Amino acid sequence: MTDAETELTPPEAVLDTVGVGPWPGPWPEDPRYDPELLAHGDRRNVVDRYRYWTVEAIVADLDRRRHPFHVAIENWRHDLNIGTVVRTANAFLAEAVHIVGRKRWNRRGAMVTDRYQHVRHHADVVALAAWARDAGLPLLAVDNLPGARPLETAELPRFCVFLFGQEGSGLSAEARDAADWVLSIAQFGSTRSINAGVAAGIAMHAWIRQHGM
């Protein structure tokens, strides 16, 4: 589509061009392919290698390649950041996202990536810490607290759980007590903290730079 065509085309029509249309020619016999998508096209926000695949086939393929880090976030007030955390965890192929506190969370920011990302629930930080201990995973809390290790220079464990607090109030006292480490993210402006969803993305990318490249 040229720039001129884009300017003259309604926005909703441009959005309809995302993805691919119905499968041209004879259908593949591979069971990973979804007959409905083959017939009507695949407009999902997935990478090209997964076009026309069923959700189950995509998850199975991701499960063979997931990175051995987890992400946990406290959810005491239906934090809107959780959807962003899930979406970013999917992008960096985290093993799982753990919701701590309220079981219900705002899925809008996830942009349906929770279909492909394992999401688990823990009633409280004590339950999360017990699960991490049984799994042999250190709990790495991320918050700009006195005595925290700078994320930028820390040697991150390959197997771990990143833990993030509620937007605004940050980590709960229980989370601070349960953490094996506390990591801080360097900031240079006037604000005391950054968005929890952004902080999670920074921490995950720091892990990727050390272990995933």
Protein backbone atom coordinates (compact mmCIF):
# COMPACT_ATOMS: atom_id res chain seq x y z
CA MET A 1 0.00 0.00 0.00
CA THR A 2 1.44 3.39 -0.97
CA ASP A 3 1.44 6.48 1.28
CA ALA A 4 -1.21 8.07 -0.93
CA GLU A 5 -3.45 5.00 -0.64
CA THR A 6 -3.00 4.97 3.12
CA GLU A 7 -4.09 8.60 3.40
CA LEU A 8 -7.24 7.92 1.37
CA THR A 9 -8.16 4.66 3.12
CA PRO A 10 -10.32 4.63 6.29
CA PRO A 11 -8.29 3.65 9.39
CA GLU A 12 -10.39 0.54 9.98
CA ALA A 13 -9.59 -0.68 6.46
CA VAL A 14 -5.88 -0.22 7.07
CA LEU A 15 -6.17 -2.26 10.25
CA ASP A 16 -7.87 -5.03 8.29
CA THR A 17 -4.72 -5.45 6.19
CA VAL A 18 -2.75 -6.72 9.20
CA GLY A 19 -1.89 -10.40 8.91
CA VAL A 20 -2.82 -12.62 6.00
CA GLY A 21 -5.98 -13.59 4.13
CA PRO A 22 -7.35 -17.06 3.41
CA TRP A 23 -4.77 -19.72 2.52
CA PRO A 24 -4.21 -19.77 -1.25
CA GLY A 25 -4.22 -23.16 -2.95
CA PRO A 26 -4.44 -26.62 -1.35
CA TRP A 27 -4.48 -26.61 2.44
CA PRO A 28 -1.49 -28.04 4.34
CA GLU A 29 -2.05 -31.33 6.15
CA ASP A 30 0.04 -30.27 9.17
CA PRO A 31 -2.21 -30.63 12.28
CA ARG A 32 -0.80 -27.39 13.72
CA TYR A 33 -2.87 -25.40 11.23
CA ASP A 34 -6.35 -24.14 12.17
CA PRO A 35 -9.03 -24.83 9.51
CA GLU A 36 -10.95 -21.67 10.47
CA LEU A 37 -7.87 -19.50 10.01
CA LEU A 38 -6.97 -21.21 6.75
CA ALA A 39 -10.45 -20.52 5.45
CA HIS A 40 -10.89 -16.94 6.65
CA GLY A 41 -7.38 -15.58 7.15
CA ASP A 42 -5.24 -14.86 10.20
CA ARG A 43 -5.34 -11.27 11.48
CA ARG A 44 -3.84 -12.02 14.91
CA ASN A 45 -0.85 -10.19 16.35
CA VAL A 46 1.54 -13.13 15.98
CA VAL A 47 4.90 -13.46 14.24
CA ASP A 48 4.83 -14.85 10.71
CA ARG A 49 6.06 -18.32 11.70
CA TYR A 50 2.80 -18.84 13.61
CA ARG A 51 0.40 -17.70 10.90
CA TYR A 52 -2.62 -20.03 10.66
CA TRP A 53 -1.45 -22.12 13.66
CA THR A 54 -3.86 -23.03 16.45
CA VAL A 55 -3.32 -21.41 19.84
CA GLU A 56 -2.47 -24.81 21.29
CA ALA A 57 0.21 -25.41 18.66
CA ILE A 58 1.75 -22.00 19.28
CA VAL A 59 1.87 -22.54 23.06
CA ALA A 60 3.42 -25.98 22.59
CA ASP A 61 6.14 -24.52 20.37
CA LEU A 62 6.82 -21.67 22.82
CA ASP A 63 7.02 -24.16 25.69
CA ARG A 64 9.99 -25.83 24.01
CA ARG A 65 11.92 -22.54 23.98
CA ARG A 66 10.88 -20.60 27.10
CA HIS A 67 13.54 -18.83 29.14
CA PRO A 68 14.02 -19.98 32.75
CA PHE A 69 13.01 -16.72 34.43
CA HIS A 70 9.63 -15.89 35.93
CA VAL A 71 7.92 -12.57 36.59
CA ALA A 72 5.66 -11.85 39.56
CA ILE A 73 3.63 -8.74 40.33
CA GLU A 74 1.56 -7.83 43.36
CA ASN A 75 -2.11 -7.16 42.63
CA TRP A 76 -3.89 -5.64 45.59
CA ARG A 77 -5.81 -2.93 43.69
CA HIS A 78 -6.33 -4.36 40.19
CA ASP A 79 -3.09 -2.82 38.92
CA LEU A 80 -3.43 -1.77 35.28
CA ASN A 81 0.25 -2.59 34.71
CA ILE A 82 -0.34 -6.32 34.87
CA GLY A 83 -1.54 -6.56 31.27
CA THR A 84 1.63 -4.80 30.12
CA VAL A 85 3.76 -7.15 32.21
CA VAL A 86 2.08 -10.19 30.65
CA ARG A 87 2.52 -8.83 27.13
CA THR A 88 6.20 -8.05 27.73
CA ALA A 89 6.78 -11.43 29.37
CA ASN A 90 5.39 -13.03 26.23
CA ALA A 91 7.72 -10.93 24.06
CA PHE A 92 10.77 -12.00 26.09
CA LEU A 93 9.46 -15.59 26.41
CA ALA A 94 9.35 -15.81 30.20
CA GLU A 95 8.52 -19.16 31.74
CA ALA A 96 5.47 -17.73 33.53
CA VAL A 97 3.87 -14.64 35.05
CA HIS A 98 2.68 -14.89 38.65
CA ILE A 99 -0.17 -12.72 39.94
CA VAL A 100 0.09 -12.19 43.71
CA GLY A 101 -3.00 -11.12 45.62
CA ARG A 102 -6.28 -10.57 43.79
CA LYS A 103 -6.88 -13.27 41.23
CA ARG A 104 -8.75 -11.05 38.77
CA TRP A 105 -6.62 -8.64 36.77
CA ASN A 106 -7.15 -6.15 33.95
CA ARG A 107 -6.37 -8.03 30.73
CA ARG A 108 -6.74 -5.13 28.33
CA GLY A 109 -3.05 -4.26 28.25
CA ALA A 110 -2.12 -7.88 27.55
CA MET A 111 -3.59 -7.64 24.03
CA VAL A 112 -4.62 -11.34 24.25
CA THR A 113 -1.01 -12.46 24.81
CA ASP A 114 -2.26 -14.22 27.95
CA ARG A 115 -3.47 -16.93 25.55
CA TYR A 116 0.17 -17.78 24.86
CA GLN A 117 1.78 -16.90 28.19
CA HIS A 118 1.46 -19.10 31.28
CA VAL A 119 -0.14 -17.05 34.08
CA ARG A 120 -0.33 -18.41 37.63
CA HIS A 121 -1.92 -17.06 40.80
CA HIS A 122 -0.72 -16.95 44.43
CA ALA A 123 -2.93 -15.74 47.26
CA ASP A 124 -0.13 -13.72 48.87
CA VAL A 125 3.62 -13.15 48.93
CA VAL A 126 4.10 -15.95 51.46
CA ALA A 127 2.59 -18.41 48.97
CA LEU A 128 4.74 -17.08 46.14
CA ALA A 129 7.89 -17.28 48.24
CA ALA A 130 7.09 -20.86 49.26
CA TRP A 131 6.56 -21.83 45.62
CA ALA A 132 9.85 -20.16 44.58
CA ARG A 133 11.73 -21.85 47.41
CA ASP A 134 10.37 -25.27 46.45
CA ALA A 135 11.35 -24.60 42.83
CA GLY A 136 14.85 -23.50 43.85
CA LEU A 137 14.38 -20.02 42.38
CA PRO A 138 15.75 -16.87 44.05
CA LEU A 139 13.22 -14.08 44.43
CA LEU A 140 14.57 -10.83 42.98
CA ALA A 141 12.47 -7.84 44.02
CA VAL A 142 12.79 -4.71 41.89
CA ASP A 143 12.33 -1.35 43.62
CA ASN A 144 14.47 1.71 44.27
CA LEU A 145 15.08 1.09 47.96
CA PRO A 146 18.07 1.90 50.17
CA GLY A 147 20.75 -0.78 49.86
CA ALA A 148 19.37 -2.21 46.61
CA ARG A 149 21.80 -3.64 44.05
CA PRO A 150 21.94 -1.68 40.78
CA LEU A 151 20.28 -3.75 38.07
CA GLU A 152 22.71 -2.31 35.54
CA THR A 153 25.75 -4.01 37.13
CA ALA A 154 24.19 -7.03 38.85
CA GLU A 155 25.01 -10.52 37.61
CA LEU A 156 21.52 -11.96 37.38
CA PRO A 157 20.87 -15.64 38.11
CA ARG A 158 19.82 -17.63 35.06
CA PHE A 159 16.96 -19.24 37.01
CA CYS A 160 15.02 -16.63 39.02
CA VAL A 161 11.77 -14.80 39.73
CA PHE A 162 11.53 -11.03 39.29
CA LEU A 163 9.03 -9.52 41.73
CA PHE A 164 7.37 -6.13 41.23
CA GLY A 165 5.15 -4.17 43.57
CA GLN A 166 1.96 -2.22 43.16
CA GLU A 167 2.03 0.96 41.08
CA GLY A 168 2.57 3.96 43.37
CA SER A 169 3.25 2.20 46.66
CA GLY A 170 5.85 -0.20 45.29
CA LEU A 171 6.73 -3.46 46.98
CA SER A 172 4.76 -4.42 50.05
CA ALA A 173 6.59 -4.98 53.33
CA GLU A 174 5.94 -8.70 52.92
CA ALA A 175 7.56 -8.68 49.48
CA ARG A 176 10.63 -6.87 50.77
CA ASP A 177 11.01 -9.37 53.59
CA ALA A 178 10.59 -12.36 51.28
CA ALA A 179 13.05 -11.19 48.62
CA ASP A 180 16.49 -12.76 48.33
CA TRP A 181 17.73 -9.66 46.50
CA VAL A 182 16.42 -6.16 45.92
CA LEU A 183 17.41 -4.55 42.62
CA SER A 184 17.15 -0.89 41.67
CA ILE A 185 16.89 0.75 38.24
CA ALA A 186 18.98 3.88 37.71
CA GLN A 187 16.94 7.05 37.14
CA PHE A 188 18.07 10.59 36.43
CA GLY A 189 14.96 12.75 36.41
CA SER A 190 12.70 14.26 39.04
CA THR A 191 10.28 11.38 39.58
CA ARG A 192 10.87 8.92 42.42
CA SER A 193 9.80 5.85 40.46
CA ILE A 194 8.86 4.59 37.03
CA ASN A 195 5.81 2.70 35.84
CA ALA A 196 5.79 -0.91 37.08
CA GLY A 197 5.15 -2.21 33.59
CA VAL A 198 8.16 -0.30 32.26
CA ALA A 199 10.34 -1.48 35.16
CA ALA A 200 9.40 -5.08 34.42
CA GLY A 201 10.36 -4.66 30.78
CA ILE A 202 13.74 -3.21 31.73
CA ALA A 203 14.47 -6.05 34.15
CA MET A 204 13.46 -8.73 31.64
CA HIS A 205 15.63 -7.17 28.96
CA ALA A 206 18.56 -7.04 31.38
CA TRP A 207 18.15 -10.80 31.86
CA ILE A 208 17.96 -11.32 28.09
CA ARG A 209 21.18 -9.38 27.55
CA GLN A 210 23.00 -11.62 30.03
CA HIS A 211 21.47 -15.00 29.28
CA GLY A 212 19.27 -14.93 26.20
CA MET A 213 21.46 -13.59 23.42
